[in-house]
Amino acid sequence: MVLCDGDNIVVMVVVEMMKRLELKMSLLARQRGTQSSLDRLRALLRLMQGEQVLQVTMTTTSPAPLLAGPWTKPSAAAMHAALQHPQGHN
């Protein structure tokens, strides 16, 4: 099969269109990935902002900070002593 110049031009145009279509599909996939990442970041920011509002609310309405104590577990001896000597009786 022999192609004439007109056929060569058509083939070149089709090949160029296929390349552009592949590029478009690649860019759209990239855009979807970027949008997904952006949505996750927005959700994280909303979560962080909600956490800040909760902390501000807790510090302005609570007489003592709820998380003022140490961030470690009490020792077994301290737990045993607290259970043996209750603070008050009802």
PDB file of N, CA and C in Angstrom:
ATOM      1  N   MET A   1       0.841  -1.178   0.000  1.00  0.00           N
ATOM      2  CA  MET A   1       0.000   0.000   0.000  1.00  0.00           C
ATOM      3  C   MET A   1       0.883   1.237   0.000  1.00  0.00           C
ATOM      4  N   VAL A   2       0.639   2.086  -0.935  1.00  0.00           N
ATOM      5  CA  VAL A   2       1.416   3.309  -1.087  1.00  0.00           C
ATOM      6  C   VAL A   2       0.532   4.477  -0.700  1.00  0.00           C
ATOM      7  N   LEU A   3       1.099   5.372   0.136  1.00  0.00           N
ATOM      8  CA  LEU A   3       0.342   6.549   0.572  1.00  0.00           C
ATOM      9  C   LEU A   3       0.747   7.749  -0.259  1.00  0.00           C
ATOM     10  N   CYS A   4      -0.230   8.532  -0.635  1.00  0.00           N
ATOM     11  CA  CYS A   4       0.082   9.773  -1.339  1.00  0.00           C
ATOM     12  C   CYS A   4       0.275  10.882  -0.314  1.00  0.00           C
ATOM     13  N   ASP A   5       0.654  12.049  -0.761  1.00  0.00           N
ATOM     14  CA  ASP A   5       0.919  13.161   0.149  1.00  0.00           C
ATOM     15  C   ASP A   5      -0.309  13.514   0.974  1.00  0.00           C
ATOM     16  N   GLY A   6      -1.468  13.463   0.390  1.00  0.00           N
ATOM     17  CA  GLY A   6      -2.713  13.769   1.115  1.00  0.00           C
ATOM     18  C   GLY A   6      -2.944  12.784   2.248  1.00  0.00           C
ATOM     19  N   ASP A   7      -2.664  11.511   1.979  1.00  0.00           N
ATOM     20  CA  ASP A   7      -2.821  10.487   3.017  1.00  0.00           C
ATOM     21  C   ASP A   7      -1.814  10.698   4.145  1.00  0.00           C
ATOM     22  N   ASN A   8      -0.588  11.073   3.784  1.00  0.00           N
ATOM     23  CA  ASN A   8       0.431  11.334   4.797  1.00  0.00           C
ATOM     24  C   ASN A   8       0.007  12.474   5.723  1.00  0.00           C
ATOM     25  N   ILE A   9      -0.568  13.492   5.151  1.00  0.00           N
ATOM     26  CA  ILE A   9      -1.029  14.633   5.951  1.00  0.00           C
ATOM     27  C   ILE A   9      -2.129  14.189   6.907  1.00  0.00           C
ATOM     28  N   VAL A  10      -3.055  13.376   6.423  1.00  0.00           N
ATOM     29  CA  VAL A  10      -4.141  12.883   7.272  1.00  0.00           C
ATOM     30  C   VAL A  10      -3.578  12.055   8.420  1.00  0.00           C
ATOM     31  N   VAL A  11      -2.633  11.180   8.121  1.00  0.00           N
ATOM     32  CA  VAL A  11      -2.018  10.350   9.160  1.00  0.00           C
ATOM     33  C   VAL A  11      -1.311  11.234  10.176  1.00  0.00           C
ATOM     34  N   MET A  12      -0.574  12.229   9.715  1.00  0.00           N
ATOM     35  CA  MET A  12       0.128  13.132  10.626  1.00  0.00           C
ATOM     36  C   MET A  12      -0.852  13.895  11.518  1.00  0.00           C
ATOM     37  N   VAL A  13      -1.956  14.324  10.941  1.00  0.00           N
ATOM     38  CA  VAL A  13      -2.964  15.050  11.723  1.00  0.00           C
ATOM     39  C   VAL A  13      -3.579  14.128  12.769  1.00  0.00           C
ATOM     40  N   VAL A  14      -3.886  12.906  12.380  1.00  0.00           N
ATOM     41  CA  VAL A  14      -4.474  11.949  13.327  1.00  0.00           C
ATOM     42  C   VAL A  14      -3.486  11.647  14.454  1.00  0.00           C
ATOM     43  N   VAL A  15      -2.223  11.446  14.113  1.00  0.00           N
ATOM     44  CA  VAL A  15      -1.201  11.176  15.133  1.00  0.00           C
ATOM     45  C   VAL A  15      -1.090  12.366  16.083  1.00  0.00           C
ATOM     46  N   GLU A  16      -1.084  13.561  15.537  1.00  0.00           N
ATOM     47  CA  GLU A  16      -0.996  14.765  16.374  1.00  0.00           C
ATOM     48  C   GLU A  16      -2.221  14.892  17.277  1.00  0.00           C
ATOM     49  N   MET A  17      -3.379  14.582  16.742  1.00  0.00           N
ATOM     50  CA  MET A  17      -4.607  14.629  17.554  1.00  0.00           C
ATOM     51  C   MET A  17      -4.554  13.601  18.677  1.00  0.00           C
ATOM     52  N   MET A  18      -4.025  12.420  18.390  1.00  0.00           N
ATOM     53  CA  MET A  18      -3.903  11.378  19.417  1.00  0.00           C
ATOM     54  C   MET A  18      -2.945  11.826  20.524  1.00  0.00           C
ATOM     55  N   LYS A  19      -1.827  12.458  20.138  1.00  0.00           N
ATOM     56  CA  LYS A  19      -0.883  12.958  21.136  1.00  0.00           C
ATOM     57  C   LYS A  19      -1.549  13.998  22.032  1.00  0.00           C
ATOM     58  N   ARG A  20      -2.282  14.902  21.414  1.00  0.00           N
ATOM     59  CA  ARG A  20      -2.957  15.950  22.188  1.00  0.00           C
ATOM     60  C   ARG A  20      -4.033  15.365  23.098  1.00  0.00           C
ATOM     61  N   LEU A  21      -4.730  14.358  22.613  1.00  0.00           N
ATOM     62  CA  LEU A  21      -5.754  13.704  23.428  1.00  0.00           C
ATOM     63  C   LEU A  21      -5.119  13.001  24.628  1.00  0.00           C
ATOM     64  N   GLU A  22      -3.993  12.333  24.403  1.00  0.00           N
ATOM     65  CA  GLU A  22      -3.280  11.685  25.510  1.00  0.00           C
ATOM     66  C   GLU A  22      -2.814  12.716  26.533  1.00  0.00           C
ATOM     67  N   LEU A  23      -2.301  13.848  26.047  1.00  0.00           N
ATOM     68  CA  LEU A  23      -1.859  14.913  26.940  1.00  0.00           C
ATOM     69  C   LEU A  23      -3.036  15.462  27.742  1.00  0.00           C
ATOM     70  N   LYS A  24      -4.156  15.656  27.067  1.00  0.00           N
ATOM     71  CA  LYS A  24      -5.353  16.165  27.744  1.00  0.00           C
ATOM     72  C   LYS A  24      -5.799  15.197  28.836  1.00  0.00           C
ATOM     73  N   MET A  25      -5.817  13.913  28.526  1.00  0.00           N
ATOM     74  CA  MET A  25      -6.234  12.913  29.512  1.00  0.00           C
ATOM     75  C   MET A  25      -5.268  12.890  30.698  1.00  0.00           C
ATOM     76  N   SER A  26      -3.989  13.016  30.408  1.00  0.00           N
ATOM     77  CA  SER A  26      -2.983  13.042  31.469  1.00  0.00           C
ATOM     78  C   SER A  26      -3.173  14.264  32.367  1.00  0.00           C
ATOM     79  N   LEU A  27      -3.410  15.407  31.754  1.00  0.00           N
ATOM     80  CA  LEU A  27      -3.628  16.631  32.531  1.00  0.00           C
ATOM     81  C   LEU A  27      -4.904  16.549  33.360  1.00  0.00           C
ATOM     82  N   LEU A  28      -5.953  15.965  32.806  1.00  0.00           N
ATOM     83  CA  LEU A  28      -7.201  15.813  33.560  1.00  0.00           C
ATOM     84  C   LEU A  28      -7.011  14.887  34.758  1.00  0.00           C
ATOM     85  N   ALA A  29      -6.262  13.813  34.575  1.00  0.00           N
ATOM     86  CA  ALA A  29      -5.991  12.898  35.692  1.00  0.00           C
ATOM     87  C   ALA A  29      -5.179  13.608  36.767  1.00  0.00           C
ATOM     88  N   ARG A  30      -4.218  14.385  36.341  1.00  0.00           N
ATOM     89  CA  ARG A  30      -3.407  15.159  37.283  1.00  0.00           C
ATOM     90  C   ARG A  30      -4.264  16.171  38.036  1.00  0.00           C
ATOM     91  N   GLN A  31      -5.180  16.816  37.301  1.00  0.00           N
ATOM     92  CA  GLN A  31      -6.067  17.803  37.909  1.00  0.00           C
ATOM     93  C   GLN A  31      -6.960  17.140  38.958  1.00  0.00           C
ATOM     94  N   ARG A  32      -7.463  15.948  38.650  1.00  0.00           N
ATOM     95  CA  ARG A  32      -8.296  15.229  39.625  1.00  0.00           C
ATOM     96  C   ARG A  32      -7.491  14.890  40.877  1.00  0.00           C
ATOM     97  N   GLY A  33      -6.252  14.465  40.691  1.00  0.00           N
ATOM     98  CA  GLY A  33      -5.395  14.168  41.839  1.00  0.00           C
ATOM     99  C   GLY A  33      -5.122  15.407  42.675  1.00  0.00           C
ATOM    100  N   THR A  34      -4.861  16.517  41.997  1.00  0.00           N
ATOM    101  CA  THR A  34      -4.619  17.776  42.701  1.00  0.00           C
ATOM    102  C   THR A  34      -5.867  18.214  43.447  1.00  0.00           C
ATOM    103  N   GLN A  35      -7.024  18.082  42.811  1.00  0.00           N
ATOM    104  CA  GLN A  35      -8.282  18.462  43.454  1.00  0.00           C
ATOM    105  C   GLN A  35      -8.544  17.591  44.676  1.00  0.00           C
ATOM    106  N   SER A  36      -8.253  16.318  44.559  1.00  0.00           N
ATOM    107  CA  SER A  36      -8.430  15.402  45.683  1.00  0.00           C
ATOM    108  C   SER A  36      -7.526  15.800  46.850  1.00  0.00           C
ATOM    109  N   SER A  37      -6.279  16.134  46.549  1.00  0.00           N
ATOM    110  CA  SER A  37      -5.352  16.572  47.596  1.00  0.00           C
ATOM    111  C   SER A  37      -5.830  17.869  48.232  1.00  0.00           C
ATOM    112  N   LEU A  38      -6.318  18.773  47.416  1.00  0.00           N
ATOM    113  CA  LEU A  38      -6.831  20.042  47.921  1.00  0.00           C
ATOM    114  C   LEU A  38      -8.038  19.823  48.825  1.00  0.00           C
ATOM    115  N   ASP A  39      -8.915  18.917  48.437  1.00  0.00           N
ATOM    116  CA  ASP A  39     -10.082  18.600  49.273  1.00  0.00           C
ATOM    117  C   ASP A  39      -9.656  18.023  50.618  1.00  0.00           C
ATOM    118  N   ARG A  40      -8.647  17.157  50.601  1.00  0.00           N
ATOM    119  CA  ARG A  40      -8.150  16.591  51.864  1.00  0.00           C
ATOM    120  C   ARG A  40      -7.536  17.674  52.745  1.00  0.00           C
ATOM    121  N   LEU A  41      -6.795  18.603  52.134  1.00  0.00           N
ATOM    122  CA  LEU A  41      -6.212  19.705  52.902  1.00  0.00           C
ATOM    123  C   LEU A  41      -7.292  20.593  53.508  1.00  0.00           C
ATOM    124  N   ARG A  42      -8.329  20.873  52.727  1.00  0.00           N
ATOM    125  CA  ARG A  42      -9.436  21.688  53.252  1.00  0.00           C
ATOM    126  C   ARG A  42     -10.112  20.999  54.432  1.00  0.00           C
ATOM    127  N   ALA A  43     -10.320  19.700  54.317  1.00  0.00           N
ATOM    128  CA  ALA A  43     -10.938  18.948  55.414  1.00  0.00           C
ATOM    129  C   ALA A  43     -10.048  18.989  56.651  1.00  0.00           C
ATOM    130  N   LEU A  44      -8.743  18.864  56.456  1.00  0.00           N
ATOM    131  CA  LEU A  44      -7.808  18.925  57.582  1.00  0.00           C
ATOM    132  C   LEU A  44      -7.832  20.306  58.227  1.00  0.00           C
ATOM    133  N   LEU A  45      -7.872  21.355  57.407  1.00  0.00           N
ATOM    134  CA  LEU A  45      -7.946  22.711  57.952  1.00  0.00           C
ATOM    135  C   LEU A  45      -9.227  22.919  58.746  1.00  0.00           C
ATOM    136  N   ARG A  46     -10.352  22.413  58.220  1.00  0.00           N
ATOM    137  CA  ARG A  46     -11.620  22.535  58.964  1.00  0.00           C
ATOM    138  C   ARG A  46     -11.525  21.805  60.292  1.00  0.00           C
ATOM    139  N   LEU A  47     -10.916  20.638  60.292  1.00  0.00           N
ATOM    140  CA  LEU A  47     -10.741  19.875  61.520  1.00  0.00           C
ATOM    141  C   LEU A  47      -9.871  20.640  62.514  1.00  0.00           C
ATOM    142  N   MET A  48      -8.779  21.223  62.017  1.00  0.00           N
ATOM    143  CA  MET A  48      -7.890  21.986  62.893  1.00  0.00           C
ATOM    144  C   MET A  48      -8.583  23.233  63.432  1.00  0.00           C
ATOM    145  N   GLN A  49      -9.353  23.922  62.593  1.00  0.00           N
ATOM    146  CA  GLN A  49     -10.068  25.110  63.048  1.00  0.00           C
ATOM    147  C   GLN A  49     -11.114  24.738  64.084  1.00  0.00           C
ATOM    148  N   GLY A  50     -11.795  23.628  63.874  1.00  0.00           N
ATOM    149  CA  GLY A  50     -12.775  23.157  64.852  1.00  0.00           C
ATOM    150  C   GLY A  50     -12.107  22.817  66.165  1.00  0.00           C
ATOM    151  N   GLU A  51     -10.923  22.236  66.098  1.00  0.00           N
ATOM    152  CA  GLU A  51     -10.165  21.899  67.309  1.00  0.00           C
ATOM    153  C   GLU A  51      -9.766  23.165  68.051  1.00  0.00           C
ATOM    154  N   GLN A  52      -9.363  24.204  67.308  1.00  0.00           N
ATOM    155  CA  GLN A  52      -8.995  25.468  67.944  1.00  0.00           C
ATOM    156  C   GLN A  52     -10.201  26.099  68.623  1.00  0.00           C
ATOM    157  N   VAL A  53     -11.357  26.069  67.962  1.00  0.00           N
ATOM    158  CA  VAL A  53     -12.573  26.621  68.554  1.00  0.00           C
ATOM    159  C   VAL A  53     -12.914  25.859  69.821  1.00  0.00           C
ATOM    160  N   LEU A  54     -12.781  24.543  69.781  1.00  0.00           N
ATOM    161  CA  LEU A  54     -13.059  23.722  70.957  1.00  0.00           C
ATOM    162  C   LEU A  54     -12.107  24.079  72.092  1.00  0.00           C
ATOM    163  N   GLN A  55     -10.832  24.256  71.790  1.00  0.00           N
ATOM    164  CA  GLN A  55      -9.866  24.603  72.830  1.00  0.00           C
ATOM    165  C   GLN A  55     -10.165  25.971  73.422  1.00  0.00           C
ATOM    166  N   VAL A  56     -10.494  26.943  72.571  1.00  0.00           N
ATOM    167  CA  VAL A  56     -10.823  28.281  73.067  1.00  0.00           C
ATOM    168  C   VAL A  56     -12.063  28.217  73.933  1.00  0.00           C
ATOM    169  N   THR A  57     -13.068  27.473  73.502  1.00  0.00           N
ATOM    170  CA  THR A  57     -14.299  27.337  74.278  1.00  0.00           C
ATOM    171  C   THR A  57     -14.011  26.692  75.617  1.00  0.00           C
ATOM    172  N   MET A  58     -13.202  25.661  75.612  1.00  0.00           N
ATOM    173  CA  MET A  58     -12.894  24.965  76.862  1.00  0.00           C
ATOM    174  C   MET A  58     -12.112  25.865  77.810  1.00  0.00           C
ATOM    175  N   THR A  59     -11.194  26.660  77.303  1.00  0.00           N
ATOM    176  CA  THR A  59     -10.382  27.498  78.185  1.00  0.00           C
ATOM    177  C   THR A  59     -11.158  28.697  78.693  1.00  0.00           C
ATOM    178  N   THR A  60     -12.166  29.154  77.960  1.00  0.00           N
ATOM    179  CA  THR A  60     -12.927  30.315  78.422  1.00  0.00           C
ATOM    180  C   THR A  60     -14.098  29.927  79.300  1.00  0.00           C
ATOM    181  N   THR A  61     -14.558  28.695  79.238  1.00  0.00           N
ATOM    182  CA  THR A  61     -15.714  28.286  80.040  1.00  0.00           C
ATOM    183  C   THR A  61     -15.343  27.402  81.209  1.00  0.00           C
ATOM    184  N   SER A  62     -14.163  26.842  81.220  1.00  0.00           N
ATOM    185  CA  SER A  62     -13.752  25.925  82.276  1.00  0.00           C
ATOM    186  C   SER A  62     -12.927  26.682  83.313  1.00  0.00           C
ATOM    187  N   PRO A  63     -13.214  26.495  84.616  1.00  0.00           N
ATOM    188  CA  PRO A  63     -12.432  27.194  85.630  1.00  0.00           C
ATOM    189  C   PRO A  63     -10.980  26.725  85.677  1.00  0.00           C
ATOM    190  N   ALA A  64     -10.735  25.491  85.349  1.00  0.00           N
ATOM    191  CA  ALA A  64      -9.365  24.966  85.327  1.00  0.00           C
ATOM    192  C   ALA A  64      -9.170  24.209  84.028  1.00  0.00           C
ATOM    193  N   PRO A  65      -8.021  24.342  83.419  1.00  0.00           N
ATOM    194  CA  PRO A  65      -7.782  23.595  82.174  1.00  0.00           C
ATOM    195  C   PRO A  65      -7.926  22.099  82.404  1.00  0.00           C
ATOM    196  N   LEU A  66      -8.638  21.462  81.506  1.00  0.00           N
ATOM    197  CA  LEU A  66      -8.876  20.031  81.643  1.00  0.00           C
ATOM    198  C   LEU A  66      -7.622  19.213  81.375  1.00  0.00           C
ATOM    199  N   LEU A  67      -6.726  19.768  80.605  1.00  0.00           N
ATOM    200  CA  LEU A  67      -5.533  19.019  80.232  1.00  0.00           C
ATOM    201  C   LEU A  67      -4.288  19.591  80.905  1.00  0.00           C
ATOM    202  N   ALA A  68      -4.457  20.192  82.081  1.00  0.00           N
ATOM    203  CA  ALA A  68      -3.328  20.837  82.742  1.00  0.00           C
ATOM    204  C   ALA A  68      -2.378  19.832  83.371  1.00  0.00           C
ATOM    205  N   GLY A  69      -2.844  18.645  83.645  1.00  0.00           N
ATOM    206  CA  GLY A  69      -2.016  17.644  84.304  1.00  0.00           C
ATOM    207  C   GLY A  69      -0.922  17.129  83.403  1.00  0.00           C
ATOM    208  N   PRO A  70      -0.059  16.292  83.961  1.00  0.00           N
ATOM    209  CA  PRO A  70       1.030  15.736  83.145  1.00  0.00           C
ATOM    210  C   PRO A  70       0.477  14.801  82.076  1.00  0.00           C
ATOM    211  N   TRP A  71       1.225  14.667  81.019  1.00  0.00           N
ATOM    212  CA  TRP A  71       0.806  13.823  79.897  1.00  0.00           C
ATOM    213  C   TRP A  71       1.338  12.409  80.055  1.00  0.00           C
ATOM    214  N   THR A  72       1.580  12.000  81.277  1.00  0.00           N
ATOM    215  CA  THR A  72       2.055  10.640  81.517  1.00  0.00           C
ATOM    216  C   THR A  72       1.041   9.902  82.357  1.00  0.00           C
ATOM    217  N   LYS A  73       1.095   8.606  82.296  1.00  0.00           N
ATOM    218  CA  LYS A  73       0.203   7.799  83.124  1.00  0.00           C
ATOM    219  C   LYS A  73       0.693   7.852  84.565  1.00  0.00           C
ATOM    220  N   PRO A  74      -0.245   7.910  85.534  1.00  0.00           N
ATOM    221  CA  PRO A  74       0.197   7.861  86.922  1.00  0.00           C
ATOM    222  C   PRO A  74       0.808   6.495  87.218  1.00  0.00           C
ATOM    223  N   SER A  75       1.696   6.485  88.186  1.00  0.00           N
ATOM    224  CA  SER A  75       2.346   5.226  88.540  1.00  0.00           C
ATOM    225  C   SER A  75       1.335   4.292  89.184  1.00  0.00           C
ATOM    226  N   ALA A  76       1.672   3.025  89.227  1.00  0.00           N
ATOM    227  CA  ALA A  76       0.785   2.036  89.850  1.00  0.00           C
ATOM    228  C   ALA A  76       0.590   2.363  91.322  1.00  0.00           C
ATOM    229  N   ALA A  77       1.641   2.831  91.994  1.00  0.00           N
ATOM    230  CA  ALA A  77       1.534   3.182  93.414  1.00  0.00           C
ATOM    231  C   ALA A  77       0.583   4.354  93.613  1.00  0.00           C
ATOM    232  N   ALA A  78       0.653   5.355  92.750  1.00  0.00           N
ATOM    233  CA  ALA A  78      -0.240   6.509  92.864  1.00  0.00           C
ATOM    234  C   ALA A  78      -1.682   6.093  92.622  1.00  0.00           C
ATOM    235  N   MET A  79      -1.902   5.237  91.645  1.00  0.00           N
ATOM    236  CA  MET A  79      -3.264   4.750  91.379  1.00  0.00           C
ATOM    237  C   MET A  79      -3.785   3.958  92.572  1.00  0.00           C
ATOM    238  N   HIS A  80      -2.948   3.119  93.154  1.00  0.00           N
ATOM    239  CA  HIS A  80      -3.340   2.304  94.300  1.00  0.00           C
ATOM    240  C   HIS A  80      -3.685   3.201  95.490  1.00  0.00           C
ATOM    241  N   ALA A  81      -2.872   4.219  95.736  1.00  0.00           N
ATOM    242  CA  ALA A  81      -3.124   5.135  96.849  1.00  0.00           C
ATOM    243  C   ALA A  81      -4.421   5.904  96.624  1.00  0.00           C
ATOM    244  N   ALA A  82      -4.678   6.337  95.404  1.00  0.00           N
ATOM    245  CA  ALA A  82      -5.898   7.087  95.115  1.00  0.00           C
ATOM    246  C   ALA A  82      -7.124   6.210  95.302  1.00  0.00           C
ATOM    247  N   LEU A  83      -7.021   4.954  94.958  1.00  0.00           N
ATOM    248  CA  LEU A  83      -8.158   4.051  95.119  1.00  0.00           C
ATOM    249  C   LEU A  83      -8.368   3.673  96.588  1.00  0.00           C
ATOM    250  N   GLN A  84      -7.320   3.647  97.375  1.00  0.00           N
ATOM    251  CA  GLN A  84      -7.424   3.279  98.787  1.00  0.00           C
ATOM    252  C   GLN A  84      -7.940   4.430  99.642  1.00  0.00           C
ATOM    253  N   HIS A  85      -7.678   5.662  99.238  1.00  0.00           N
ATOM    254  CA  HIS A  85      -8.057   6.826 100.035  1.00  0.00           C
ATOM    255  C   HIS A  85      -8.914   7.764  99.196  1.00  0.00           C
ATOM    256  N   PRO A  86     -10.222   7.502  99.075  1.00  0.00           N
ATOM    257  CA  PRO A  86     -11.081   8.376  98.275  1.00  0.00           C
ATOM    258  C   PRO A  86     -11.091   9.788  98.853  1.00  0.00           C
ATOM    259  N   GLN A  87     -11.261  10.757  97.970  1.00  0.00           N
ATOM    260  CA  GLN A  87     -11.219  12.161  98.368  1.00  0.00           C
ATOM    261  C   GLN A  87     -12.407  12.563  99.234  1.00  0.00           C
ATOM    262  N   GLY A  88     -13.574  12.110  98.913  1.00  0.00           N
ATOM    263  CA  GLY A  88     -14.756  12.518  99.671  1.00  0.00           C
ATOM    264  C   GLY A  88     -15.797  11.435  99.667  1.00  0.00           C
ATOM    265  N   HIS A  89     -16.764  11.528 100.567  1.00  0.00           N
ATOM    266  CA  HIS A  89     -17.837  10.550 100.651  1.00  0.00           C
ATOM    267  C   HIS A  89     -19.152  11.254 100.412  1.00  0.00           C
ATOM    268  N   ASN A  90     -20.091  10.610  99.700  1.00  0.00           N
ATOM    269  CA  ASN A  90     -21.400  11.216  99.432  1.00  0.00           C
ATOM    270  C   ASN A  90     -22.358  10.845 100.472  1.00  0.00           C
TER     271      ASN A  90
END
